[in-house]
Amino acid sequence: MIIRRVFAVTCLSAVLVVPAAAQQPPVKRAPIRYTSPTSGKDMFVNYCAVCHGKDAKGDGPAASALKTAPADLTTLTKRNGGKFPSAHVSSTILGDRDLPAHGSREMPIWGPPLRSLDAHGDLVVRQRIVSLTEYLKSLQEK
C-alpha cells in the first residue's frame, strides 16, 4: 500500500513539475491529500484547480508551466453540442484517455492517485469519479 502511494505521488509530481520556459519557476510538489469521495468540489479544488484554476477556466497557477494549456472545463457542454460529455469526462479523469498534458495511458494522472487514497478499492474510486464529473457538470456555462 505504501509503495502504491509513493508511486502515485511520484507520478503526480512528475506531471506537475513539467519543465517550462527558462523564466518559469518549477511547479511546487505536493502529496495527494485525502478528500471525501462524495465531494466533487473538494476534489476539484485539491486535485484539479492547480492547472484548471479555481473557476475551471484553465488558468490555474501551474497552467503556464505546462506544454499544453489546460482546457476551460466550463465549456464542455457548449463544445459538445449542448450535451455534457459525462463518459468522456469520467474516462479522462480516470486516465483512460490519451491527453498530452496528463501523460500517456501508461501514466494516467488521476487513476493511480485516486486508487491510493482508499483501501476499499474500485467502488470508492468510482464514487470519486462520479462526484467529480457531476461537479464539473454543475460548472458549465449556461
C-alpha atoms as a PDB file:
ATOM      1  CA  MET A   1       0.000   0.000   0.000  1.00  0.00           C
ATOM      2  CA  ILE A   2       2.810   2.418   0.880  1.00  0.00           C
ATOM      3  CA  ILE A   3       4.603   1.583  -2.368  1.00  0.00           C
ATOM      4  CA  ARG A   4       1.403   2.324  -4.321  1.00  0.00           C
ATOM      5  CA  ARG A   5       1.035   5.703  -2.629  1.00  0.00           C
ATOM      6  CA  VAL A   6       4.673   6.615  -3.246  1.00  0.00           C
ATOM      7  CA  PHE A   7       4.298   5.581  -6.890  1.00  0.00           C
ATOM      8  CA  ALA A   8       1.094   7.601  -7.246  1.00  0.00           C
ATOM      9  CA  VAL A   9       2.623  10.704  -5.679  1.00  0.00           C
ATOM     10  CA  THR A  10       5.717  10.297  -7.857  1.00  0.00           C
ATOM     11  CA  CYS A  11       3.547  10.100 -10.995  1.00  0.00           C
ATOM     12  CA  LEU A  12       1.585  13.147  -9.925  1.00  0.00           C
ATOM     13  CA  SER A  13       4.748  15.076  -9.079  1.00  0.00           C
ATOM     14  CA  ALA A  14       6.377  14.151 -12.381  1.00  0.00           C
ATOM     15  CA  VAL A  15       3.449  15.585 -14.307  1.00  0.00           C
ATOM     16  CA  LEU A  16       3.199  18.738 -12.212  1.00  0.00           C
ATOM     17  CA  VAL A  17       6.897  19.513 -12.438  1.00  0.00           C
ATOM     18  CA  VAL A  18       6.979  19.923 -16.189  1.00  0.00           C
ATOM     19  CA  PRO A  19       9.962  21.830 -17.499  1.00  0.00           C
ATOM     20  CA  ALA A  20       8.795  25.193 -18.784  1.00  0.00           C
ATOM     21  CA  ALA A  21      10.320  28.259 -20.354  1.00  0.00           C
ATOM     22  CA  ALA A  22      13.536  29.410 -18.709  1.00  0.00           C
ATOM     23  CA  GLN A  23      11.829  32.226 -16.805  1.00  0.00           C
ATOM     24  CA  GLN A  24       9.101  29.979 -15.344  1.00  0.00           C
ATOM     25  CA  PRO A  25       9.742  28.574 -11.866  1.00  0.00           C
ATOM     26  CA  PRO A  26       9.032  24.853 -11.435  1.00  0.00           C
ATOM     27  CA  VAL A  27       5.675  23.810 -10.026  1.00  0.00           C
ATOM     28  CA  LYS A  28       5.795  23.046  -6.322  1.00  0.00           C
ATOM     29  CA  ARG A  29       5.479  19.332  -5.482  1.00  0.00           C
ATOM     30  CA  ALA A  30       2.811  18.250  -3.041  1.00  0.00           C
ATOM     31  CA  PRO A  31       1.479  14.854  -1.984  1.00  0.00           C
ATOM     32  CA  ILE A  32      -2.121  13.989  -2.808  1.00  0.00           C
ATOM     33  CA  ARG A  33      -4.442  14.866   0.084  1.00  0.00           C
ATOM     34  CA  TYR A  34      -7.410  12.823   1.165  1.00  0.00           C
ATOM     35  CA  THR A  35     -10.805  14.316   0.318  1.00  0.00           C
ATOM     36  CA  SER A  36     -14.300  12.951   0.716  1.00  0.00           C
ATOM     37  CA  PRO A  37     -15.276  10.684  -2.202  1.00  0.00           C
ATOM     38  CA  THR A  38     -18.660  12.414  -2.278  1.00  0.00           C
ATOM     39  CA  SER A  39     -17.371  15.988  -2.609  1.00  0.00           C
ATOM     40  CA  GLY A  40     -16.629  16.796  -6.221  1.00  0.00           C
ATOM     41  CA  LYS A  41     -15.885  20.393  -5.259  1.00  0.00           C
ATOM     42  CA  ASP A  42     -13.247  19.428  -2.667  1.00  0.00           C
ATOM     43  CA  MET A  43     -11.600  17.050  -5.113  1.00  0.00           C
ATOM     44  CA  PHE A  44     -11.582  19.704  -7.834  1.00  0.00           C
ATOM     45  CA  VAL A  45     -10.042  22.314  -5.524  1.00  0.00           C
ATOM     46  CA  ASN A  46      -7.385  19.880  -4.253  1.00  0.00           C
ATOM     47  CA  TYR A  47      -6.533  17.981  -7.431  1.00  0.00           C
ATOM     48  CA  CYS A  48      -7.561  19.993 -10.492  1.00  0.00           C
ATOM     49  CA  ALA A  49      -7.517  23.711  -9.681  1.00  0.00           C
ATOM     50  CA  VAL A  50      -3.723  23.922  -9.722  1.00  0.00           C
ATOM     51  CA  CYS A  51      -3.895  23.572 -13.515  1.00  0.00           C
ATOM     52  CA  HIS A  52      -7.518  24.314 -14.444  1.00  0.00           C
ATOM     53  CA  GLY A  53      -7.993  27.200 -11.980  1.00  0.00           C
ATOM     54  CA  LYS A  54     -10.499  27.641  -9.166  1.00  0.00           C
ATOM     55  CA  ASP A  55     -13.172  28.626 -11.704  1.00  0.00           C
ATOM     56  CA  ALA A  56     -12.184  25.751 -14.076  1.00  0.00           C
ATOM     57  CA  LYS A  57     -11.320  28.215 -16.849  1.00  0.00           C
ATOM     58  CA  GLY A  58      -7.842  26.725 -17.477  1.00  0.00           C
ATOM     59  CA  ASP A  59      -5.924  29.465 -15.680  1.00  0.00           C
ATOM     60  CA  GLY A  60      -4.566  27.767 -12.573  1.00  0.00           C
ATOM     61  CA  PRO A  61      -1.208  28.715 -11.044  1.00  0.00           C
ATOM     62  CA  ALA A  62       0.577  25.800 -12.760  1.00  0.00           C
ATOM     63  CA  ALA A  63      -1.012  26.369 -16.186  1.00  0.00           C
ATOM     64  CA  SER A  64       1.850  28.441 -17.556  1.00  0.00           C
ATOM     65  CA  ALA A  65       4.362  25.699 -16.705  1.00  0.00           C
ATOM     66  CA  LEU A  66       2.588  23.115 -18.885  1.00  0.00           C
ATOM     67  CA  LYS A  67       3.400  22.360 -22.526  1.00  0.00           C
ATOM     68  CA  THR A  68      -0.309  22.240 -23.372  1.00  0.00           C
ATOM     69  CA  ALA A  69      -2.675  24.771 -21.836  1.00  0.00           C
ATOM     70  CA  PRO A  70      -5.331  23.219 -19.585  1.00  0.00           C
ATOM     71  CA  ALA A  71      -8.831  23.155 -21.010  1.00  0.00           C
ATOM     72  CA  ASP A  72     -11.564  25.541 -19.961  1.00  0.00           C
ATOM     73  CA  LEU A  73     -13.770  22.968 -18.245  1.00  0.00           C
ATOM     74  CA  THR A  74     -16.760  25.320 -18.089  1.00  0.00           C
ATOM     75  CA  THR A  75     -17.353  24.982 -21.837  1.00  0.00           C
ATOM     76  CA  LEU A  76     -17.502  21.187 -22.127  1.00  0.00           C
ATOM     77  CA  THR A  77     -21.263  21.160 -22.749  1.00  0.00           C
ATOM     78  CA  LYS A  78     -21.027  24.006 -25.248  1.00  0.00           C
ATOM     79  CA  ARG A  79     -18.207  22.248 -27.132  1.00  0.00           C
ATOM     80  CA  ASN A  80     -20.222  19.009 -27.183  1.00  0.00           C
ATOM     81  CA  GLY A  81     -23.345  20.271 -28.944  1.00  0.00           C
ATOM     82  CA  GLY A  82     -25.201  21.226 -25.755  1.00  0.00           C
ATOM     83  CA  LYS A  83     -24.817  17.846 -24.010  1.00  0.00           C
ATOM     84  CA  PHE A  84     -22.408  17.338 -21.126  1.00  0.00           C
ATOM     85  CA  PRO A  85     -19.989  14.515 -22.094  1.00  0.00           C
ATOM     86  CA  SER A  86     -20.097  12.573 -18.805  1.00  0.00           C
ATOM     87  CA  ALA A  87     -18.486   9.376 -20.119  1.00  0.00           C
ATOM     88  CA  HIS A  88     -15.689  11.320 -21.824  1.00  0.00           C
ATOM     89  CA  VAL A  89     -15.015  13.373 -18.676  1.00  0.00           C
ATOM     90  CA  SER A  90     -15.015  10.298 -16.432  1.00  0.00           C
ATOM     91  CA  SER A  91     -12.604   8.380 -18.654  1.00  0.00           C
ATOM     92  CA  THR A  92     -10.320  11.418 -18.867  1.00  0.00           C
ATOM     93  CA  ILE A  93     -10.178  11.805 -15.077  1.00  0.00           C
ATOM     94  CA  LEU A  94      -9.511   8.107 -14.587  1.00  0.00           C
ATOM     95  CA  GLY A  95      -6.732   8.155 -17.159  1.00  0.00           C
ATOM     96  CA  ASP A  96      -8.354   6.032 -19.848  1.00  0.00           C
ATOM     97  CA  ARG A  97      -7.793   8.712 -22.500  1.00  0.00           C
ATOM     98  CA  ASP A  98      -4.523   9.897 -24.018  1.00  0.00           C
ATOM     99  CA  LEU A  99      -4.015  13.567 -23.176  1.00  0.00           C
ATOM    100  CA  PRO A 100      -0.609  15.174 -23.744  1.00  0.00           C
ATOM    101  CA  ALA A 101      -0.915  17.360 -20.634  1.00  0.00           C
ATOM    102  CA  HIS A 102      -1.955  14.399 -18.446  1.00  0.00           C
ATOM    103  CA  GLY A 103       0.582  11.859 -19.687  1.00  0.00           C
ATOM    104  CA  SER A 104       0.057   8.737 -21.724  1.00  0.00           C
ATOM    105  CA  ARG A 105      -2.220   5.805 -20.923  1.00  0.00           C
ATOM    106  CA  GLU A 106       0.798   4.164 -19.304  1.00  0.00           C
ATOM    107  CA  MET A 107       0.979   7.040 -16.810  1.00  0.00           C
ATOM    108  CA  PRO A 108      -2.570   8.328 -16.208  1.00  0.00           C
ATOM    109  CA  ILE A 109      -2.720  11.315 -13.939  1.00  0.00           C
ATOM    110  CA  TRP A 110      -5.617  10.523 -11.588  1.00  0.00           C
ATOM    111  CA  GLY A 111      -6.371   6.807 -11.767  1.00  0.00           C
ATOM    112  CA  PRO A 112      -3.497   5.563  -9.549  1.00  0.00           C
ATOM    113  CA  PRO A 113      -3.515   8.504  -7.104  1.00  0.00           C
ATOM    114  CA  LEU A 114      -7.273   8.194  -6.535  1.00  0.00           C
ATOM    115  CA  ARG A 115      -6.926   4.441  -6.049  1.00  0.00           C
ATOM    116  CA  SER A 116      -4.195   5.045  -3.468  1.00  0.00           C
ATOM    117  CA  LEU A 117      -6.495   7.116  -1.254  1.00  0.00           C
ATOM    118  CA  ASP A 118      -8.944   4.375  -0.366  1.00  0.00           C
ATOM    119  CA  ALA A 119      -8.407   0.813   0.776  1.00  0.00           C
ATOM    120  CA  HIS A 120     -11.962  -0.025  -0.339  1.00  0.00           C
ATOM    121  CA  GLY A 121     -10.988  -0.353  -3.976  1.00  0.00           C
ATOM    122  CA  ASP A 122     -12.797   0.464  -7.163  1.00  0.00           C
ATOM    123  CA  LEU A 123     -16.181   1.190  -5.605  1.00  0.00           C
ATOM    124  CA  VAL A 124     -14.840   4.292  -3.852  1.00  0.00           C
ATOM    125  CA  VAL A 125     -12.808   5.292  -6.913  1.00  0.00           C
ATOM    126  CA  ARG A 126     -15.999   5.119  -8.997  1.00  0.00           C
ATOM    127  CA  GLN A 127     -17.758   7.305  -6.416  1.00  0.00           C
ATOM    128  CA  ARG A 128     -14.915   9.838  -6.680  1.00  0.00           C
ATOM    129  CA  ILE A 129     -15.152   9.898 -10.481  1.00  0.00           C
ATOM    130  CA  VAL A 130     -18.952  10.326 -10.405  1.00  0.00           C
ATOM    131  CA  SER A 131     -18.725  13.111  -7.801  1.00  0.00           C
ATOM    132  CA  LEU A 132     -16.034  14.990  -9.704  1.00  0.00           C
ATOM    133  CA  THR A 133     -17.841  14.547 -13.032  1.00  0.00           C
ATOM    134  CA  GLU A 134     -21.107  15.839 -11.530  1.00  0.00           C
ATOM    135  CA  TYR A 135     -19.274  18.831 -10.040  1.00  0.00           C
ATOM    136  CA  LEU A 136     -17.817  19.685 -13.449  1.00  0.00           C
ATOM    137  CA  LYS A 137     -21.280  19.356 -14.953  1.00  0.00           C
ATOM    138  CA  SER A 138     -22.525  21.941 -12.420  1.00  0.00           C
ATOM    139  CA  LEU A 139     -19.870  24.433 -13.598  1.00  0.00           C
ATOM    140  CA  GLN A 140     -20.990  24.534 -17.225  1.00  0.00           C
ATOM    141  CA  GLU A 141     -21.731  27.896 -18.827  1.00  0.00           C
ATOM    142  CA  LYS A 142     -25.428  28.466 -19.408  1.00  0.00           C
END
